Every structure is written in structure tokens, then in C-alpha cells.
């Protein structure tokens, strides 16, 4: 009788779990990681503004019907939005909760974290005060 082995999850599962543990305080790392992921899947145009959504309906001979291209676009956009939500702290998800597309969410995060605020600068200074290397404190 074969024994059951309890091995760790396969690499794709591990990588996806690690991906969702990104910290927003490292915006440049998060940005690079998300952009690379989206480029790998040829979906980067969703957050760079070059891919506008198609119309939700199409009219053929006077009859409006759902646009299947829009349905596909919407599905992909919501999946990308979900990745962005998973990449930030829960307490920061409220910042993008009211956005309607992944592009809006991406631009909101970039606008907030690309511009240094007094609070952010103060937080960075406090973090630097507690930096350690081995047994040394800086």
C-alpha cells in the first residue's frame, strides 16, 4: 500500500503565496513586481493607461447586445484589481476601495506613495532610528 506523503505545495502555489505578502512600504519593489507579473501575462496595458475598456454593449442592425470583448476585459481587470488589493495591507485597502478599475487603483496608489508626505517622511525617520545590523544599532 502506498503511503501518503505530506510534502510542501508545488512551486507555483508557493510563489503565489509569497507574492501576496508584498509590503506597501516598499512601493518601488511592489511596483516592479506587479509590472513584471503583468508584462509576463501581457496584461501590463491595464495599468499603464494604453488599454481603454471596450464598450459594454454593441449594436448590430439596431439591436444592442452584450459585448463579449468587454466581458473579457472586465474579468481581467477585476483579477488585476484583486492582485493590487492582495499586495497591500488591509488597513490601506480603503484607499483603493472606491476605485472602479485596476488603472484607477494603480494611479491612486502611485499618487499617494510617490509623493512624500510629512507623515511618511516622519515614519521613515523613525524607522531609520531603529535600524540594526547584527548587534549594532544605527
C-alpha atoms as a PDB file:
ATOM      1  CA  UNK A   1       0.000   0.000   0.000  1.00  0.00           C
ATOM      2  CA  UNK A   2       1.397   3.380  -0.937  1.00  0.00           C
ATOM      3  CA  UNK A   3       1.995   5.823   1.857  1.00  0.00           C
ATOM      4  CA  UNK A   4       0.720   9.352   1.719  1.00  0.00           C
ATOM      5  CA  UNK A   5       3.467  11.916   1.685  1.00  0.00           C
ATOM      6  CA  UNK A   6       2.911  15.325   3.168  1.00  0.00           C
ATOM      7  CA  UNK A   7       5.080  17.466   1.009  1.00  0.00           C
ATOM      8  CA  UNK A   8       5.065  21.204   0.651  1.00  0.00           C
ATOM      9  CA  UNK A   9       2.866  22.768  -2.024  1.00  0.00           C
ATOM     10  CA  UNK A  10       4.127  22.843  -5.572  1.00  0.00           C
ATOM     11  CA  UNK A  11       6.255  25.861  -6.612  1.00  0.00           C
ATOM     12  CA  UNK A  12       3.501  27.823  -8.407  1.00  0.00           C
ATOM     13  CA  UNK A  13       1.395  27.721  -5.228  1.00  0.00           C
ATOM     14  CA  UNK A  14       4.323  28.854  -3.095  1.00  0.00           C
ATOM     15  CA  UNK A  15       5.134  31.689  -5.459  1.00  0.00           C
ATOM     16  CA  UNK A  16       1.582  32.982  -5.441  1.00  0.00           C
ATOM     17  CA  UNK A  17       1.506  32.944  -1.649  1.00  0.00           C
ATOM     18  CA  UNK A  18       4.794  34.801  -1.453  1.00  0.00           C
ATOM     19  CA  UNK A  19       3.535  37.314  -3.988  1.00  0.00           C
ATOM     20  CA  UNK A  20       0.594  38.301  -1.788  1.00  0.00           C
ATOM     21  CA  UNK A  21       2.921  39.111   1.098  1.00  0.00           C
ATOM     22  CA  UNK A  22       4.297  42.270  -0.527  1.00  0.00           C
ATOM     23  CA  UNK A  23       4.586  45.255   1.794  1.00  0.00           C
ATOM     24  CA  UNK A  24       3.307  48.585   0.511  1.00  0.00           C
ATOM     25  CA  UNK A  25       6.110  50.491   2.249  1.00  0.00           C
ATOM     26  CA  UNK A  26       8.386  49.195  -0.475  1.00  0.00           C
ATOM     27  CA  UNK A  27       6.398  50.725  -3.314  1.00  0.00           C
ATOM     28  CA  UNK A  28       9.210  50.515  -5.839  1.00  0.00           C
ATOM     29  CA  UNK A  29       9.620  46.776  -5.196  1.00  0.00           C
ATOM     30  CA  UNK A  30       5.874  46.188  -5.300  1.00  0.00           C
ATOM     31  CA  UNK A  31       5.570  48.264  -8.456  1.00  0.00           C
ATOM     32  CA  UNK A  32       8.356  46.378 -10.198  1.00  0.00           C
ATOM     33  CA  UNK A  33       6.987  43.010  -9.129  1.00  0.00           C
ATOM     34  CA  UNK A  34       3.439  43.755 -10.260  1.00  0.00           C
ATOM     35  CA  UNK A  35       4.583  45.316 -13.541  1.00  0.00           C
ATOM     36  CA  UNK A  36       6.796  42.303 -14.263  1.00  0.00           C
ATOM     37  CA  UNK A  37       3.967  39.904 -13.500  1.00  0.00           C
ATOM     38  CA  UNK A  38       1.552  41.783 -15.742  1.00  0.00           C
ATOM     39  CA  UNK A  39       4.126  42.054 -18.547  1.00  0.00           C
ATOM     40  CA  UNK A  40       4.691  38.304 -18.290  1.00  0.00           C
ATOM     41  CA  UNK A  41       0.993  37.733 -18.900  1.00  0.00           C
ATOM     42  CA  UNK A  42       0.811  40.554 -21.479  1.00  0.00           C
ATOM     43  CA  UNK A  43      -1.608  42.466 -19.236  1.00  0.00           C
ATOM     44  CA  UNK A  44       0.577  45.487 -18.415  1.00  0.00           C
ATOM     45  CA  UNK A  45      -1.575  47.721 -20.605  1.00  0.00           C
ATOM     46  CA  UNK A  46      -4.286  47.572 -17.929  1.00  0.00           C
ATOM     47  CA  UNK A  47      -2.216  49.727 -15.554  1.00  0.00           C
ATOM     48  CA  UNK A  48      -0.233  51.860 -17.991  1.00  0.00           C
ATOM     49  CA  UNK A  49      -3.319  53.514 -19.474  1.00  0.00           C
ATOM     50  CA  UNK A  50      -2.877  52.219 -23.023  1.00  0.00           C
ATOM     51  CA  UNK A  51      -5.778  49.765 -22.902  1.00  0.00           C
ATOM     52  CA  UNK A  52      -9.103  51.532 -22.669  1.00  0.00           C
ATOM     53  CA  UNK A  53     -12.163  49.437 -21.916  1.00  0.00           C
ATOM     54  CA  UNK A  54     -14.323  48.451 -24.868  1.00  0.00           C
ATOM     55  CA  UNK A  55     -17.988  49.484 -24.788  1.00  0.00           C
ATOM     56  CA  UNK A  56     -20.183  47.213 -22.609  1.00  0.00           C
ATOM     57  CA  UNK A  57     -22.654  46.689 -25.440  1.00  0.00           C
ATOM     58  CA  UNK A  58     -22.516  46.510 -29.217  1.00  0.00           C
ATOM     59  CA  UNK A  59     -25.317  47.405 -31.584  1.00  0.00           C
ATOM     60  CA  UNK A  60     -25.758  45.297 -34.681  1.00  0.00           C
ATOM     61  CA  UNK A  61     -28.630  46.101 -37.027  1.00  0.00           C
ATOM     62  CA  UNK A  62     -30.305  48.188 -34.350  1.00  0.00           C
ATOM     63  CA  UNK A  63     -30.129  45.524 -31.637  1.00  0.00           C
ATOM     64  CA  UNK A  64     -27.925  46.135 -28.587  1.00  0.00           C
ATOM     65  CA  UNK A  65     -26.281  43.076 -27.091  1.00  0.00           C
ATOM     66  CA  UNK A  66     -23.543  42.443 -24.526  1.00  0.00           C
ATOM     67  CA  UNK A  67     -20.032  42.936 -25.855  1.00  0.00           C
ATOM     68  CA  UNK A  68     -18.029  39.763 -25.205  1.00  0.00           C
ATOM     69  CA  UNK A  69     -14.797  41.736 -25.553  1.00  0.00           C
ATOM     70  CA  UNK A  70     -15.934  43.968 -22.684  1.00  0.00           C
ATOM     71  CA  UNK A  71     -16.824  40.932 -20.580  1.00  0.00           C
ATOM     72  CA  UNK A  72     -13.305  39.551 -21.043  1.00  0.00           C
ATOM     73  CA  UNK A  73     -11.747  42.953 -20.344  1.00  0.00           C
ATOM     74  CA  UNK A  74     -13.817  43.380 -17.163  1.00  0.00           C
ATOM     75  CA  UNK A  75     -12.873  39.903 -15.905  1.00  0.00           C
ATOM     76  CA  UNK A  76      -9.154  40.534 -16.444  1.00  0.00           C
ATOM     77  CA  UNK A  77      -9.368  43.996 -14.900  1.00  0.00           C
ATOM     78  CA  UNK A  78     -11.062  42.647 -11.748  1.00  0.00           C
ATOM     79  CA  UNK A  79      -8.388  39.947 -11.397  1.00  0.00           C
ATOM     80  CA  UNK A  80      -5.647  42.582 -11.631  1.00  0.00           C
ATOM     81  CA  UNK A  81      -7.536  44.725  -9.109  1.00  0.00           C
ATOM     82  CA  UNK A  82      -7.615  41.713  -6.797  1.00  0.00           C
ATOM     83  CA  UNK A  83      -3.826  41.354  -7.092  1.00  0.00           C
ATOM     84  CA  UNK A  84      -3.424  45.008  -6.124  1.00  0.00           C
ATOM     85  CA  UNK A  85      -5.690  44.524  -3.106  1.00  0.00           C
ATOM     86  CA  UNK A  86      -3.702  41.461  -2.071  1.00  0.00           C
ATOM     87  CA  UNK A  87      -0.446  43.373  -2.367  1.00  0.00           C
ATOM     88  CA  UNK A  88      -1.233  45.982   0.280  1.00  0.00           C
ATOM     89  CA  UNK A  89      -2.035  45.952   3.975  1.00  0.00           C
ATOM     90  CA  UNK A  90      -5.700  45.506   4.841  1.00  0.00           C
ATOM     91  CA  UNK A  91      -5.708  48.881   6.566  1.00  0.00           C
ATOM     92  CA  UNK A  92      -4.605  50.501   3.291  1.00  0.00           C
ATOM     93  CA  UNK A  93      -7.159  48.754   1.107  1.00  0.00           C
ATOM     94  CA  UNK A  94      -9.656  51.510   1.888  1.00  0.00           C
ATOM     95  CA  UNK A  95      -7.506  53.839  -0.206  1.00  0.00           C
ATOM     96  CA  UNK A  96      -8.419  51.989  -3.384  1.00  0.00           C
ATOM     97  CA  UNK A  97     -11.787  50.532  -2.360  1.00  0.00           C
ATOM     98  CA  UNK A  98     -13.702  53.261  -4.193  1.00  0.00           C
ATOM     99  CA  UNK A  99     -11.774  52.977  -7.437  1.00  0.00           C
ATOM    100  CA  UNK A 100     -13.543  51.208 -10.270  1.00  0.00           C
ATOM    101  CA  UNK A 101     -10.700  49.824 -12.386  1.00  0.00           C
ATOM    102  CA  UNK A 102      -7.214  48.453 -11.848  1.00  0.00           C
ATOM    103  CA  UNK A 103      -5.850  51.557 -13.605  1.00  0.00           C
ATOM    104  CA  UNK A 104      -7.649  53.836 -11.125  1.00  0.00           C
ATOM    105  CA  UNK A 105      -6.351  51.776  -8.204  1.00  0.00           C
ATOM    106  CA  UNK A 106      -2.792  51.779  -9.585  1.00  0.00           C
ATOM    107  CA  UNK A 107      -2.827  55.536 -10.145  1.00  0.00           C
ATOM    108  CA  UNK A 108      -4.286  56.157  -6.672  1.00  0.00           C
ATOM    109  CA  UNK A 109      -1.509  54.146  -5.025  1.00  0.00           C
ATOM    110  CA  UNK A 110       1.131  55.858  -7.152  1.00  0.00           C
ATOM    111  CA  UNK A 111      -0.215  59.317  -6.321  1.00  0.00           C
ATOM    112  CA  UNK A 112      -0.328  58.598  -2.614  1.00  0.00           C
ATOM    113  CA  UNK A 113       3.023  56.873  -2.238  1.00  0.00           C
ATOM    114  CA  UNK A 114       5.078  58.543  -4.945  1.00  0.00           C
ATOM    115  CA  UNK A 115       4.758  61.921  -3.252  1.00  0.00           C
ATOM    116  CA  UNK A 116       6.476  62.092   0.116  1.00  0.00           C
ATOM    117  CA  UNK A 117       4.193  63.481   2.803  1.00  0.00           C
ATOM    118  CA  UNK A 118       5.282  64.815   6.175  1.00  0.00           C
ATOM    119  CA  UNK A 119       3.812  61.770   7.876  1.00  0.00           C
ATOM    120  CA  UNK A 120       5.610  59.396   5.535  1.00  0.00           C
ATOM    121  CA  UNK A 121       8.922  61.220   5.979  1.00  0.00           C
ATOM    122  CA  UNK A 122       8.463  61.144   9.755  1.00  0.00           C
ATOM    123  CA  UNK A 123       7.710  57.423   9.616  1.00  0.00           C
ATOM    124  CA  UNK A 124      10.850  56.771   7.550  1.00  0.00           C
ATOM    125  CA  UNK A 125      12.972  58.764  10.002  1.00  0.00           C
ATOM    126  CA  UNK A 126      11.585  56.744  12.906  1.00  0.00           C
ATOM    127  CA  UNK A 127      12.297  53.503  11.070  1.00  0.00           C
ATOM    128  CA  UNK A 128      15.866  54.641  10.391  1.00  0.00           C
ATOM    129  CA  UNK A 129      16.367  55.344  14.086  1.00  0.00           C
ATOM    130  CA  UNK A 130      15.722  51.697  14.851  1.00  0.00           C
ATOM    131  CA  UNK A 131      17.863  50.176  12.091  1.00  0.00           C
ATOM    132  CA  UNK A 132      20.192  47.415  13.231  1.00  0.00           C
ATOM    133  CA  UNK A 133      22.931  45.441  11.586  1.00  0.00           C
ATOM    134  CA  UNK A 134      23.931  42.455  13.626  1.00  0.00           C
ATOM    135  CA  UNK A 135      24.434  43.733  17.157  1.00  0.00           C
ATOM    136  CA  UNK A 136      24.940  47.344  16.025  1.00  0.00           C
ATOM    137  CA  UNK A 137      22.172  49.920  16.225  1.00  0.00           C
ATOM    138  CA  UNK A 138      22.319  52.960  13.958  1.00  0.00           C
END
